[in-house]
Amino acid sequence: MDQIVLNSVMAALIAAAFLTAAISVLRSRDRSRQRVPVKIRVQRDRNIGSRL
């Protein structure tokens, strides 16, 4: 009887941990959809201007 109770408690804890992880992933996915301004530096060859 005690083993059944302990197994049930462990199953509930594992399910709670799984749900917590799933909710965390879903919430972080919403954050990743936000646009963040990023500056991209374009490296240009310095020798191109002297060829013209």
C-alpha atoms as a PDB file:
ATOM      1  CA  MET A   1       0.000   0.000   0.000  1.00  0.00           C
ATOM      2  CA  ASP A   2       2.791   2.432   0.887  1.00  0.00           C
ATOM      3  CA  GLN A   3       4.567   1.701  -2.377  1.00  0.00           C
ATOM      4  CA  ILE A   4       1.441   2.548  -4.380  1.00  0.00           C
ATOM      5  CA  VAL A   5       1.122   5.895  -2.590  1.00  0.00           C
ATOM      6  CA  LEU A   6       4.804   6.693  -3.117  1.00  0.00           C
ATOM      7  CA  ASN A   7       4.586   5.772  -6.803  1.00  0.00           C
ATOM      8  CA  SER A   8       1.524   7.981  -7.207  1.00  0.00           C
ATOM      9  CA  VAL A   9       3.286  10.901  -5.521  1.00  0.00           C
ATOM     10  CA  MET A  10       6.341  10.420  -7.731  1.00  0.00           C
ATOM     11  CA  ALA A  11       4.168  10.289 -10.864  1.00  0.00           C
ATOM     12  CA  ALA A  12       2.456  13.517  -9.816  1.00  0.00           C
ATOM     13  CA  LEU A  13       5.815  15.229  -9.220  1.00  0.00           C
ATOM     14  CA  ILE A  14       7.166  14.094 -12.594  1.00  0.00           C
ATOM     15  CA  ALA A  15       3.983  15.302 -14.323  1.00  0.00           C
ATOM     16  CA  ALA A  16       4.254  18.681 -12.565  1.00  0.00           C
ATOM     17  CA  ALA A  17       7.890  19.020 -13.626  1.00  0.00           C
ATOM     18  CA  PHE A  18       6.982  18.167 -17.228  1.00  0.00           C
ATOM     19  CA  LEU A  19       4.166  20.709 -17.279  1.00  0.00           C
ATOM     20  CA  THR A  20       6.412  23.370 -15.772  1.00  0.00           C
ATOM     21  CA  ALA A  21       9.054  22.743 -18.444  1.00  0.00           C
ATOM     22  CA  ALA A  22       6.463  22.798 -21.239  1.00  0.00           C
ATOM     23  CA  ILE A  23       4.956  26.076 -20.024  1.00  0.00           C
ATOM     24  CA  SER A  24       8.420  27.609 -19.734  1.00  0.00           C
ATOM     25  CA  VAL A  25       9.248  26.639 -23.333  1.00  0.00           C
ATOM     26  CA  LEU A  26       5.973  28.065 -24.609  1.00  0.00           C
ATOM     27  CA  ARG A  27       6.524  31.346 -22.792  1.00  0.00           C
ATOM     28  CA  SER A  28      10.109  31.681 -24.041  1.00  0.00           C
ATOM     29  CA  ARG A  29       8.890  31.067 -27.596  1.00  0.00           C
ATOM     30  CA  ASP A  30       6.703  34.182 -27.267  1.00  0.00           C
ATOM     31  CA  ARG A  31       9.744  36.188 -26.220  1.00  0.00           C
ATOM     32  CA  SER A  32      11.783  34.975 -29.172  1.00  0.00           C
ATOM     33  CA  ARG A  33       9.169  36.303 -31.604  1.00  0.00           C
ATOM     34  CA  GLN A  34       9.814  39.891 -30.541  1.00  0.00           C
ATOM     35  CA  ARG A  35      11.903  41.833 -33.018  1.00  0.00           C
ATOM     36  CA  VAL A  36      15.130  43.249 -31.723  1.00  0.00           C
ATOM     37  CA  PRO A  37      16.945  45.924 -33.744  1.00  0.00           C
ATOM     38  CA  VAL A  38      20.361  44.716 -34.769  1.00  0.00           C
ATOM     39  CA  LYS A  39      23.089  46.663 -36.522  1.00  0.00           C
ATOM     40  CA  ILE A  40      24.955  44.658 -39.108  1.00  0.00           C
ATOM     41  CA  ARG A  41      28.265  46.003 -40.287  1.00  0.00           C
ATOM     42  CA  VAL A  42      29.005  45.271 -43.908  1.00  0.00           C
ATOM     43  CA  GLN A  43      32.676  44.676 -44.526  1.00  0.00           C
ATOM     44  CA  ARG A  44      33.725  46.150 -47.827  1.00  0.00           C
ATOM     45  CA  ASP A  45      36.937  45.528 -49.634  1.00  0.00           C
ATOM     46  CA  ARG A  46      39.066  48.675 -49.361  1.00  0.00           C
ATOM     47  CA  ASN A  47      40.841  47.980 -52.650  1.00  0.00           C
ATOM     48  CA  ILE A  48      37.681  48.212 -54.795  1.00  0.00           C
ATOM     49  CA  GLY A  49      37.689  52.021 -54.750  1.00  0.00           C
ATOM     50  CA  SER A  50      41.268  52.220 -56.050  1.00  0.00           C
ATOM     51  CA  ARG A  51      40.487  49.969 -59.027  1.00  0.00           C
ATOM     52  CA  LEU A  52      37.892  52.360 -60.434  1.00  0.00           C
END
